[in-house]
Each structure stands twice: as structure tokens, then as C-alpha cells.
Amino acid sequence: MRLVEKLAVANLEPAPFTQLANVTGRPASSVPLARTSSGLPLGIQFVGRPGSEPELLALAAQLERARPWAHLRPSLPDSPSLPDSPSAA
């Protein structure tokens, strides 16, 4: 594998879908349209052609009106107790 290919793989591997839009200069939007069985949001990413930001924003707004999500909060498991901080001497 050539150096350029190695660098591309190393940079895109951790987040292969979001970085590709950034590298190519294409506008993208992620909208939390679905939920897991435990209520965590699942985002769906839309990628547009260069210059299509208005269409992507309109699509995201339309989807949010159809399936409002801003008020939803997942129930999180109880946090483990943290040890008390050491007292100042």
C-alpha cells in the first residue's frame, strides 16, 4: 500500500462517514431520526452535492417537523458513586 493510501486509511478509519464529507468538501447533515430499544438516538447522515447547504437544511427542518426529537432524552443508567475528593490539609 502506498503512503497516500496508508494516510487516507489511517485518517478515515476512526470516523469513515463524517470525514469523507469533510475531505471532499460536500455539505452533510446528521439527523437523529431513529432510536435504539433503550432510547439512544441513531443519526442518519445526508450528504449533498457542493453548494446544496440550503437543501440539506430544509430537509433536516422538514424531518424534524415530521418527527420532533429535541424534547427526547434517553434514560441513562445510574452513575457509579465517585469517591470523595481528598480534604485540603
N, C-alpha and C. Protein backbone atom coordinates (compact mmCIF):
# COMPACT_ATOMS: atom_id res chain seq x y z
N MET A 1 0.84 -1.17 0.00
CA MET A 1 0.00 0.00 0.00
C MET A 1 0.90 1.24 0.00
N ARG A 2 0.56 2.20 -0.86
CA ARG A 2 1.35 3.43 -0.94
C ARG A 2 1.10 4.33 0.26
N LEU A 3 2.02 5.24 0.50
CA LEU A 3 1.94 6.13 1.64
C LEU A 3 0.63 6.92 1.65
N VAL A 4 0.23 7.43 0.50
CA VAL A 4 -1.01 8.21 0.42
C VAL A 4 -2.20 7.36 0.85
N GLU A 5 -2.23 6.12 0.38
CA GLU A 5 -3.33 5.23 0.75
C GLU A 5 -3.30 4.92 2.24
N LYS A 6 -2.10 4.71 2.78
CA LYS A 6 -1.98 4.45 4.22
C LYS A 6 -2.48 5.63 5.03
N LEU A 7 -2.12 6.85 4.63
CA LEU A 7 -2.57 8.04 5.34
C LEU A 7 -4.09 8.20 5.25
N ALA A 8 -4.64 7.93 4.08
CA ALA A 8 -6.09 8.04 3.92
C ALA A 8 -6.81 7.05 4.82
N VAL A 9 -6.36 5.82 4.84
CA VAL A 9 -6.98 4.79 5.69
C VAL A 9 -6.84 5.17 7.16
N ALA A 10 -5.66 5.60 7.56
CA ALA A 10 -5.42 5.96 8.96
C ALA A 10 -6.32 7.12 9.40
N ASN A 11 -6.57 8.07 8.50
CA ASN A 11 -7.40 9.22 8.86
C ASN A 11 -8.89 8.94 8.76
N LEU A 12 -9.30 8.10 7.85
CA LEU A 12 -10.73 7.85 7.66
C LEU A 12 -11.26 6.69 8.51
N GLU A 13 -10.39 5.82 8.98
CA GLU A 13 -10.83 4.64 9.72
C GLU A 13 -11.63 4.95 10.99
N PRO A 14 -11.20 5.91 11.83
CA PRO A 14 -11.95 6.15 13.07
C PRO A 14 -13.38 6.66 12.85
N ALA A 15 -13.60 7.45 11.84
CA ALA A 15 -14.93 8.01 11.55
C ALA A 15 -15.10 8.05 10.04
N PRO A 16 -15.33 6.91 9.42
CA PRO A 16 -15.27 6.83 7.96
C PRO A 16 -16.33 7.63 7.22
N PHE A 17 -17.47 7.89 7.83
CA PHE A 17 -18.55 8.52 7.07
C PHE A 17 -18.53 10.04 7.19
N THR A 18 -18.28 10.56 8.36
CA THR A 18 -18.31 12.02 8.51
C THR A 18 -17.10 12.68 7.88
N GLN A 19 -15.93 12.09 8.02
CA GLN A 19 -14.73 12.71 7.47
C GLN A 19 -14.74 12.73 5.96
N LEU A 20 -15.36 11.76 5.33
CA LEU A 20 -15.38 11.73 3.87
C LEU A 20 -16.08 12.96 3.32
N ALA A 21 -17.16 13.39 3.96
CA ALA A 21 -17.83 14.61 3.51
C ALA A 21 -16.92 15.81 3.70
N ASN A 22 -16.19 15.86 4.81
CA ASN A 22 -15.29 16.98 5.05
C ASN A 22 -14.15 17.01 4.04
N VAL A 23 -13.55 15.88 3.76
CA VAL A 23 -12.41 15.80 2.85
C VAL A 23 -12.81 16.20 1.43
N THR A 24 -14.02 15.82 1.01
CA THR A 24 -14.45 16.12 -0.35
C THR A 24 -15.13 17.47 -0.48
N GLY A 25 -15.35 18.15 0.65
CA GLY A 25 -15.98 19.46 0.62
C GLY A 25 -17.48 19.43 0.40
N ARG A 26 -18.08 18.28 0.60
CA ARG A 26 -19.53 18.19 0.42
C ARG A 26 -20.25 18.51 1.72
N PRO A 27 -21.35 19.24 1.64
CA PRO A 27 -22.11 19.52 2.85
C PRO A 27 -22.81 18.25 3.34
N ALA A 28 -22.93 18.13 4.65
CA ALA A 28 -23.58 16.95 5.23
C ALA A 28 -24.34 17.36 6.47
N SER A 29 -25.34 16.57 6.79
CA SER A 29 -26.15 16.81 7.98
C SER A 29 -26.50 15.46 8.59
N SER A 30 -26.45 15.39 9.91
CA SER A 30 -26.85 14.18 10.62
C SER A 30 -28.09 14.51 11.44
N VAL A 31 -29.15 13.74 11.25
CA VAL A 31 -30.42 13.98 11.92
C VAL A 31 -30.79 12.74 12.72
N PRO A 32 -31.09 12.91 14.03
CA PRO A 32 -31.44 11.75 14.86
C PRO A 32 -32.87 11.29 14.61
N LEU A 33 -33.07 10.46 13.60
CA LEU A 33 -34.42 10.06 13.21
C LEU A 33 -34.89 8.75 13.83
N ALA A 34 -34.00 7.99 14.40
CA ALA A 34 -34.39 6.70 14.96
C ALA A 34 -33.86 6.59 16.38
N ARG A 35 -34.31 5.58 17.09
CA ARG A 35 -33.90 5.33 18.47
C ARG A 35 -33.60 3.85 18.65
N THR A 36 -32.64 3.57 19.52
CA THR A 36 -32.38 2.18 19.88
C THR A 36 -33.47 1.72 20.82
N SER A 37 -33.50 0.44 21.15
CA SER A 37 -34.51 -0.07 22.08
C SER A 37 -34.37 0.56 23.46
N SER A 38 -33.19 1.07 23.79
CA SER A 38 -33.00 1.73 25.09
C SER A 38 -33.18 3.25 24.99
N GLY A 39 -33.59 3.75 23.84
CA GLY A 39 -33.90 5.16 23.70
C GLY A 39 -32.75 6.05 23.26
N LEU A 40 -31.61 5.48 22.93
CA LEU A 40 -30.49 6.30 22.46
C LEU A 40 -30.73 6.71 21.00
N PRO A 41 -30.32 7.92 20.64
CA PRO A 41 -30.57 8.39 19.27
C PRO A 41 -29.65 7.71 18.25
N LEU A 42 -30.22 7.45 17.09
CA LEU A 42 -29.46 6.94 15.94
C LEU A 42 -29.55 7.99 14.85
N GLY A 43 -28.41 8.56 14.49
CA GLY A 43 -28.40 9.60 13.48
C GLY A 43 -28.33 9.02 12.08
N ILE A 44 -29.00 9.68 11.17
CA ILE A 44 -28.94 9.33 9.76
C ILE A 44 -28.27 10.50 9.06
N GLN A 45 -27.22 10.21 8.30
CA GLN A 45 -26.44 11.26 7.66
C GLN A 45 -26.87 11.43 6.21
N PHE A 46 -27.06 12.69 5.83
CA PHE A 46 -27.38 13.05 4.46
C PHE A 46 -26.21 13.86 3.92
N VAL A 47 -25.74 13.52 2.74
CA VAL A 47 -24.63 14.23 2.09
C VAL A 47 -25.14 14.78 0.77
N GLY A 48 -24.87 16.07 0.55
CA GLY A 48 -25.35 16.71 -0.67
C GLY A 48 -24.23 17.03 -1.63
N ARG A 49 -24.61 17.54 -2.75
CA ARG A 49 -23.63 17.98 -3.74
C ARG A 49 -23.06 19.32 -3.28
N PRO A 50 -21.92 19.71 -3.78
CA PRO A 50 -21.36 21.01 -3.39
C PRO A 50 -22.37 22.13 -3.62
N GLY A 51 -22.50 23.00 -2.62
CA GLY A 51 -23.41 24.12 -2.73
C GLY A 51 -24.85 23.83 -2.35
N SER A 52 -25.14 22.62 -1.87
CA SER A 52 -26.53 22.27 -1.57
C SER A 52 -26.89 22.43 -0.09
N GLU A 53 -26.17 23.29 0.62
CA GLU A 53 -26.49 23.51 2.04
C GLU A 53 -27.94 23.90 2.27
N PRO A 54 -28.52 24.81 1.47
CA PRO A 54 -29.93 25.18 1.71
C PRO A 54 -30.87 23.97 1.62
N GLU A 55 -30.63 23.09 0.66
CA GLU A 55 -31.49 21.91 0.53
C GLU A 55 -31.33 20.96 1.72
N LEU A 56 -30.09 20.79 2.19
CA LEU A 56 -29.86 19.91 3.34
C LEU A 56 -30.51 20.48 4.60
N LEU A 57 -30.38 21.79 4.81
CA LEU A 57 -31.02 22.40 5.98
C LEU A 57 -32.54 22.31 5.88
N ALA A 58 -33.10 22.51 4.69
CA ALA A 58 -34.54 22.39 4.51
C ALA A 58 -35.00 20.95 4.78
N LEU A 59 -34.23 19.97 4.30
CA LEU A 59 -34.56 18.57 4.55
C LEU A 59 -34.53 18.27 6.05
N ALA A 60 -33.49 18.72 6.73
CA ALA A 60 -33.39 18.48 8.18
C ALA A 60 -34.55 19.13 8.92
N ALA A 61 -34.93 20.34 8.54
CA ALA A 61 -36.05 21.03 9.19
C ALA A 61 -37.37 20.29 8.93
N GLN A 62 -37.55 19.82 7.70
CA GLN A 62 -38.77 19.09 7.35
C GLN A 62 -38.85 17.77 8.15
N LEU A 63 -37.72 17.08 8.26
CA LEU A 63 -37.71 15.82 9.01
C LEU A 63 -37.94 16.06 10.49
N GLU A 64 -37.40 17.15 11.03
CA GLU A 64 -37.62 17.45 12.45
C GLU A 64 -39.09 17.81 12.70
N ARG A 65 -39.71 18.50 11.78
CA ARG A 65 -41.15 18.79 11.95
C ARG A 65 -41.97 17.50 11.91
N ALA A 66 -41.59 16.59 11.04
CA ALA A 66 -42.33 15.33 10.91
C ALA A 66 -42.09 14.39 12.10
N ARG A 67 -40.87 14.39 12.63
CA ARG A 67 -40.51 13.52 13.76
C ARG A 67 -39.72 14.33 14.77
N PRO A 68 -40.39 15.16 15.58
CA PRO A 68 -39.68 16.01 16.55
C PRO A 68 -38.81 15.16 17.48
N TRP A 69 -37.62 15.66 17.76
CA TRP A 69 -36.68 14.90 18.58
C TRP A 69 -36.03 15.72 19.68
N ALA A 70 -36.07 17.05 19.60
CA ALA A 70 -35.33 17.88 20.54
C ALA A 70 -35.77 17.68 21.98
N HIS A 71 -37.01 17.29 22.20
CA HIS A 71 -37.52 17.10 23.56
C HIS A 71 -37.19 15.72 24.14
N LEU A 72 -36.72 14.80 23.32
CA LEU A 72 -36.45 13.43 23.78
C LEU A 72 -35.13 13.34 24.53
N ARG A 73 -35.13 12.65 25.62
CA ARG A 73 -33.93 12.42 26.42
C ARG A 73 -33.85 10.94 26.75
N PRO A 74 -32.74 10.29 26.46
CA PRO A 74 -32.62 8.87 26.82
C PRO A 74 -32.48 8.72 28.32
N SER A 75 -32.98 7.61 28.84
CA SER A 75 -32.74 7.35 30.26
C SER A 75 -31.36 6.73 30.37
N LEU A 76 -30.55 7.30 31.22
CA LEU A 76 -29.18 6.85 31.39
C LEU A 76 -29.07 6.02 32.67
N PRO A 77 -28.20 5.03 32.68
CA PRO A 77 -28.04 4.25 33.90
C PRO A 77 -27.48 5.13 35.01
N ASP A 78 -27.75 4.72 36.24
CA ASP A 78 -27.21 5.48 37.38
C ASP A 78 -25.70 5.53 37.29
N SER A 79 -25.16 6.69 37.60
CA SER A 79 -23.71 6.84 37.60
C SER A 79 -23.14 6.17 38.84
N PRO A 80 -21.99 5.54 38.70
CA PRO A 80 -21.37 4.97 39.90
C PRO A 80 -20.95 6.10 40.83
N SER A 81 -20.95 5.80 42.10
CA SER A 81 -20.55 6.82 43.07
C SER A 81 -19.08 7.14 42.90
N LEU A 82 -18.78 8.42 42.93
CA LEU A 82 -17.39 8.85 42.84
C LEU A 82 -16.84 8.97 44.25
N PRO A 83 -15.59 8.62 44.46
CA PRO A 83 -15.03 8.77 45.79
C PRO A 83 -14.98 10.24 46.17
N ASP A 84 -15.10 10.49 47.46
CA ASP A 84 -15.00 11.88 47.93
C ASP A 84 -13.63 12.44 47.57
N SER A 85 -13.62 13.74 47.28
CA SER A 85 -12.33 14.35 46.97
C SER A 85 -11.52 14.46 48.26
N PRO A 86 -10.20 14.35 48.14
CA PRO A 86 -9.38 14.46 49.35
C PRO A 86 -9.55 15.82 49.99
N SER A 87 -9.58 15.84 51.32
CA SER A 87 -9.74 17.12 52.02
C SER A 87 -8.46 17.92 51.96
N ALA A 88 -8.65 19.20 51.91
CA ALA A 88 -7.48 20.09 51.88
C ALA A 88 -6.84 20.10 53.27
N ALA A 89 -5.55 20.03 53.31
CA ALA A 89 -4.84 20.00 54.59
C ALA A 89 -4.52 21.37 55.06
